[in-house]
Amino acid sequence: MARYSITINGKKQNVNVAEDMPLLWVLRDELGLTGTKFGCGRGLCGTCTIHLDGEPTRACMTSVEYVDGSEITTIEGLSTDLSHPLQQAWIAEEVPQCGYCQSGQIMTAAALLEKNSDPSDEDINTAMKMNLCRCGTYQRIRKAIHRAAKEI
């Protein structure tokens, strides 16, 4: 076991865990931040996307030793009251069906809008292509991202 110091959603956290423990399990099991979901466990679906020092990152494939001293934002860190423009757009466009992939979708979209405040459909498709949605809400996701971009 090793001790790691990580800033998560603006709050410094210290955890004592095995060095190869995936960040996903640190967030969910050690810190109770269950908004980040487990999907495939191989970094292929995007369900576990968080921001690591501002970059979208798959938490299932990132070991805690890699993030020591880093700043992490999870879906819980976007807003405490669903007031983030992406969260509002997701609700307005009725994006979720089962909802399972949505935190990863929103985190990926937030990273896109940080870099590009007025993305084209092609920009959105490129940024979101590695986030899978079993329900197939891709059209509504794109529409919600455009809506949020107007608010930001």
C-alpha atoms as a PDB file:
ATOM      1  CA  MET A   1       0.000   0.000   0.000  1.00  0.00           C
ATOM      2  CA  ALA A   2       1.132   3.499  -0.768  1.00  0.00           C
ATOM      3  CA  ARG A   3      -0.177   6.946   0.075  1.00  0.00           C
ATOM      4  CA  TYR A   4      -1.260   9.213  -2.774  1.00  0.00           C
ATOM      5  CA  SER A   5      -2.374  12.819  -2.748  1.00  0.00           C
ATOM      6  CA  ILE A   6      -4.876  13.817  -5.404  1.00  0.00           C
ATOM      7  CA  THR A   7      -7.040  16.903  -5.814  1.00  0.00           C
ATOM      8  CA  ILE A   8     -10.510  15.737  -6.793  1.00  0.00           C
ATOM      9  CA  ASN A   9     -13.195  18.258  -7.682  1.00  0.00           C
ATOM     10  CA  GLY A  10     -11.155  20.977  -5.976  1.00  0.00           C
ATOM     11  CA  LYS A  11     -10.645  19.060  -2.721  1.00  0.00           C
ATOM     12  CA  LYS A  12      -7.321  17.504  -1.748  1.00  0.00           C
ATOM     13  CA  GLN A  13      -7.694  13.803  -0.967  1.00  0.00           C
ATOM     14  CA  ASN A  14      -5.181  11.357   0.476  1.00  0.00           C
ATOM     15  CA  VAL A  15      -5.658   7.663  -0.190  1.00  0.00           C
ATOM     16  CA  ASN A  16      -3.732   4.583   0.905  1.00  0.00           C
ATOM     17  CA  VAL A  17      -4.128   2.004  -1.833  1.00  0.00           C
ATOM     18  CA  ALA A  18      -2.105  -0.378  -3.974  1.00  0.00           C
ATOM     19  CA  GLU A  19      -0.059   1.488  -6.575  1.00  0.00           C
ATOM     20  CA  ASP A  20      -1.641  -0.367  -9.476  1.00  0.00           C
ATOM     21  CA  MET A  21      -5.243   0.260  -8.367  1.00  0.00           C
ATOM     22  CA  PRO A  22      -7.191   1.857 -11.218  1.00  0.00           C
ATOM     23  CA  LEU A  23      -8.327   5.411 -10.540  1.00  0.00           C
ATOM     24  CA  LEU A  24     -11.896   4.303 -11.235  1.00  0.00           C
ATOM     25  CA  TRP A  25     -11.903   2.111  -8.120  1.00  0.00           C
ATOM     26  CA  VAL A  26     -10.222   4.793  -6.018  1.00  0.00           C
ATOM     27  CA  LEU A  27     -12.993   7.200  -6.993  1.00  0.00           C
ATOM     28  CA  ARG A  28     -15.860   4.756  -6.522  1.00  0.00           C
ATOM     29  CA  ASP A  29     -14.748   2.453  -3.708  1.00  0.00           C
ATOM     30  CA  GLU A  30     -12.381   4.588  -1.671  1.00  0.00           C
ATOM     31  CA  LEU A  31     -13.965   8.030  -2.077  1.00  0.00           C
ATOM     32  CA  GLY A  32     -17.632   7.228  -2.769  1.00  0.00           C
ATOM     33  CA  LEU A  33     -17.756   9.190  -6.045  1.00  0.00           C
ATOM     34  CA  THR A  34     -20.002   6.799  -7.931  1.00  0.00           C
ATOM     35  CA  GLY A  35     -20.938   9.082 -10.842  1.00  0.00           C
ATOM     36  CA  THR A  36     -17.992   7.691 -12.793  1.00  0.00           C
ATOM     37  CA  LYS A  37     -19.166   4.321 -14.089  1.00  0.00           C
ATOM     38  CA  PHE A  38     -17.447   1.056 -14.949  1.00  0.00           C
ATOM     39  CA  GLY A  39     -18.107   0.025 -18.529  1.00  0.00           C
ATOM     40  CA  CYS A  40     -15.668  -2.221 -20.340  1.00  0.00           C
ATOM     41  CA  GLY A  41     -12.602  -2.021 -18.072  1.00  0.00           C
ATOM     42  CA  ARG A  42     -10.367  -1.652 -21.135  1.00  0.00           C
ATOM     43  CA  GLY A  43     -10.684   2.051 -21.976  1.00  0.00           C
ATOM     44  CA  LEU A  44     -12.762   1.377 -25.066  1.00  0.00           C
ATOM     45  CA  CYS A  45     -16.254   2.631 -24.207  1.00  0.00           C
ATOM     46  CA  GLY A  46     -15.703   6.015 -22.517  1.00  0.00           C
ATOM     47  CA  THR A  47     -18.112   5.365 -19.661  1.00  0.00           C
ATOM     48  CA  CYS A  48     -15.419   6.049 -17.044  1.00  0.00           C
ATOM     49  CA  THR A  49     -14.155   9.337 -18.536  1.00  0.00           C
ATOM     50  CA  ILE A  50     -12.909  11.940 -16.065  1.00  0.00           C
ATOM     51  CA  HIS A  51     -10.673  14.985 -16.510  1.00  0.00           C
ATOM     52  CA  LEU A  52      -7.053  14.528 -15.452  1.00  0.00           C
ATOM     53  CA  ASP A  53      -5.320  17.897 -15.343  1.00  0.00           C
ATOM     54  CA  GLY A  54      -7.983  19.120 -17.783  1.00  0.00           C
ATOM     55  CA  GLU A  55      -7.697  16.258 -20.281  1.00  0.00           C
ATOM     56  CA  PRO A  56     -10.383  13.601 -20.786  1.00  0.00           C
ATOM     57  CA  THR A  57      -8.966  10.357 -19.423  1.00  0.00           C
ATOM     58  CA  ARG A  58     -10.266   6.825 -18.960  1.00  0.00           C
ATOM     59  CA  ALA A  59     -10.271   6.151 -15.217  1.00  0.00           C
ATOM     60  CA  CYS A  60     -10.425   2.366 -15.681  1.00  0.00           C
ATOM     61  CA  MET A  61      -7.032   2.346 -17.427  1.00  0.00           C
ATOM     62  CA  THR A  62      -5.249   4.930 -15.279  1.00  0.00           C
ATOM     63  CA  SER A  63      -3.492   3.627 -12.186  1.00  0.00           C
ATOM     64  CA  VAL A  64      -3.478   5.750  -9.066  1.00  0.00           C
ATOM     65  CA  GLU A  65       0.324   5.969  -9.046  1.00  0.00           C
ATOM     66  CA  TYR A  66       0.116   7.874 -12.343  1.00  0.00           C
ATOM     67  CA  VAL A  67      -2.188  10.583 -10.904  1.00  0.00           C
ATOM     68  CA  ASP A  68      -0.332  11.363  -7.664  1.00  0.00           C
ATOM     69  CA  GLY A  69      -0.338  15.157  -7.310  1.00  0.00           C
ATOM     70  CA  SER A  70      -2.780  15.651 -10.178  1.00  0.00           C
ATOM     71  CA  GLU A  71      -6.081  17.498 -10.391  1.00  0.00           C
ATOM     72  CA  ILE A  72      -9.077  15.378 -11.279  1.00  0.00           C
ATOM     73  CA  THR A  73     -12.613  16.429 -12.127  1.00  0.00           C
ATOM     74  CA  THR A  74     -15.415  13.888 -12.081  1.00  0.00           C
ATOM     75  CA  ILE A  75     -19.030  14.318 -13.154  1.00  0.00           C
ATOM     76  CA  GLU A  76     -19.778  15.368  -9.554  1.00  0.00           C
ATOM     77  CA  GLY A  77     -17.300  18.224  -9.999  1.00  0.00           C
ATOM     78  CA  LEU A  78     -19.039  19.867 -12.964  1.00  0.00           C
ATOM     79  CA  SER A  79     -21.745  21.234 -10.647  1.00  0.00           C
ATOM     80  CA  THR A  80     -23.416  20.204  -7.425  1.00  0.00           C
ATOM     81  CA  ASP A  81     -26.891  21.236  -8.597  1.00  0.00           C
ATOM     82  CA  LEU A  82     -26.995  20.229 -12.304  1.00  0.00           C
ATOM     83  CA  SER A  83     -26.448  23.862 -13.316  1.00  0.00           C
ATOM     84  CA  HIS A  84     -23.587  23.197 -15.732  1.00  0.00           C
ATOM     85  CA  PRO A  85     -24.696  24.112 -19.276  1.00  0.00           C
ATOM     86  CA  LEU A  86     -24.023  20.576 -20.522  1.00  0.00           C
ATOM     87  CA  GLN A  87     -26.111  19.042 -17.769  1.00  0.00           C
ATOM     88  CA  GLN A  88     -28.916  21.494 -18.524  1.00  0.00           C
ATOM     89  CA  ALA A  89     -28.677  20.752 -22.259  1.00  0.00           C
ATOM     90  CA  TRP A  90     -28.714  16.990 -21.586  1.00  0.00           C
ATOM     91  CA  ILE A  91     -31.960  17.434 -19.657  1.00  0.00           C
ATOM     92  CA  ALA A  92     -33.525  19.805 -22.210  1.00  0.00           C
ATOM     93  CA  GLU A  93     -32.718  17.502 -25.134  1.00  0.00           C
ATOM     94  CA  GLU A  94     -33.797  14.400 -23.194  1.00  0.00           C
ATOM     95  CA  VAL A  95     -30.518  12.686 -24.037  1.00  0.00           C
ATOM     96  CA  PRO A  96     -30.417   9.802 -21.548  1.00  0.00           C
ATOM     97  CA  GLN A  97     -32.373   6.633 -22.035  1.00  0.00           C
ATOM     98  CA  CYS A  98     -30.723   4.081 -19.745  1.00  0.00           C
ATOM     99  CA  GLY A  99     -28.264   6.810 -18.686  1.00  0.00           C
ATOM    100  CA  TYR A 100     -25.368   4.492 -18.000  1.00  0.00           C
ATOM    101  CA  CYS A 101     -22.855   6.105 -20.366  1.00  0.00           C
ATOM    102  CA  GLN A 102     -23.969   9.661 -19.774  1.00  0.00           C
ATOM    103  CA  SER A 103     -21.392  10.804 -17.204  1.00  0.00           C
ATOM    104  CA  GLY A 104     -18.598   9.764 -19.570  1.00  0.00           C
ATOM    105  CA  GLN A 105     -20.382  11.416 -22.497  1.00  0.00           C
ATOM    106  CA  ILE A 106     -20.801  14.675 -20.575  1.00  0.00           C
ATOM    107  CA  MET A 107     -17.190  14.687 -19.361  1.00  0.00           C
ATOM    108  CA  THR A 108     -15.918  14.157 -22.906  1.00  0.00           C
ATOM    109  CA  ALA A 109     -18.224  16.894 -24.206  1.00  0.00           C
ATOM    110  CA  ALA A 110     -17.045  19.272 -21.446  1.00  0.00           C
ATOM    111  CA  ALA A 111     -13.431  18.739 -22.503  1.00  0.00           C
ATOM    112  CA  LEU A 112     -14.405  19.446 -26.117  1.00  0.00           C
ATOM    113  CA  LEU A 113     -16.153  22.698 -25.204  1.00  0.00           C
ATOM    114  CA  GLU A 114     -13.163  23.810 -23.127  1.00  0.00           C
ATOM    115  CA  LYS A 115     -11.060  23.674 -26.285  1.00  0.00           C
ATOM    116  CA  ASN A 116     -13.680  24.586 -28.878  1.00  0.00           C
ATOM    117  CA  SER A 117     -16.596  26.768 -27.808  1.00  0.00           C
ATOM    118  CA  ASP A 118     -18.362  26.507 -31.179  1.00  0.00           C
ATOM    119  CA  PRO A 119     -17.830  22.962 -32.490  1.00  0.00           C
ATOM    120  CA  SER A 120     -19.158  21.779 -35.832  1.00  0.00           C
ATOM    121  CA  ASP A 121     -20.934  18.443 -36.198  1.00  0.00           C
ATOM    122  CA  GLU A 122     -17.657  17.005 -37.460  1.00  0.00           C
ATOM    123  CA  ASP A 123     -15.778  18.360 -34.405  1.00  0.00           C
ATOM    124  CA  ILE A 124     -18.356  16.775 -32.117  1.00  0.00           C
ATOM    125  CA  ASN A 125     -18.296  13.463 -33.971  1.00  0.00           C
ATOM    126  CA  THR A 126     -14.501  13.364 -33.777  1.00  0.00           C
ATOM    127  CA  ALA A 127     -14.376  14.216 -30.072  1.00  0.00           C
ATOM    128  CA  MET A 128     -17.158  11.835 -29.102  1.00  0.00           C
ATOM    129  CA  LYS A 129     -16.355   8.877 -31.367  1.00  0.00           C
ATOM    130  CA  MET A 130     -14.795   6.760 -28.621  1.00  0.00           C
ATOM    131  CA  ASN A 131     -17.788   7.143 -26.282  1.00  0.00           C
ATOM    132  CA  LEU A 132     -20.282   4.372 -26.862  1.00  0.00           C
ATOM    133  CA  CYS A 133     -24.007   4.573 -26.153  1.00  0.00           C
ATOM    134  CA  ARG A 134     -25.913   1.313 -26.240  1.00  0.00           C
ATOM    135  CA  CYS A 135     -29.190   3.206 -26.564  1.00  0.00           C
ATOM    136  CA  GLY A 136     -27.986   5.099 -29.640  1.00  0.00           C
ATOM    137  CA  THR A 137     -28.730   8.650 -28.471  1.00  0.00           C
ATOM    138  CA  TYR A 138     -25.929  10.115 -30.603  1.00  0.00           C
ATOM    139  CA  GLN A 139     -28.190  12.610 -32.436  1.00  0.00           C
ATOM    140  CA  ARG A 140     -29.484  14.002 -29.137  1.00  0.00           C
ATOM    141  CA  ILE A 141     -25.956  14.096 -27.704  1.00  0.00           C
ATOM    142  CA  ARG A 142     -24.793  16.202 -30.646  1.00  0.00           C
ATOM    143  CA  LYS A 143     -27.832  18.495 -30.310  1.00  0.00           C
ATOM    144  CA  ALA A 144     -27.200  18.905 -26.567  1.00  0.00           C
ATOM    145  CA  ILE A 145     -23.548  19.810 -27.159  1.00  0.00           C
ATOM    146  CA  HIS A 146     -24.592  22.485 -29.670  1.00  0.00           C
ATOM    147  CA  ARG A 147     -27.151  23.821 -27.157  1.00  0.00           C
ATOM    148  CA  ALA A 148     -24.584  23.957 -24.349  1.00  0.00           C
ATOM    149  CA  ALA A 149     -22.052  25.674 -26.616  1.00  0.00           C
ATOM    150  CA  LYS A 150     -24.514  28.548 -27.079  1.00  0.00           C
ATOM    151  CA  GLU A 151     -24.809  28.899 -23.292  1.00  0.00           C
ATOM    152  CA  ILE A 152     -21.102  28.830 -22.547  1.00  0.00           C
END
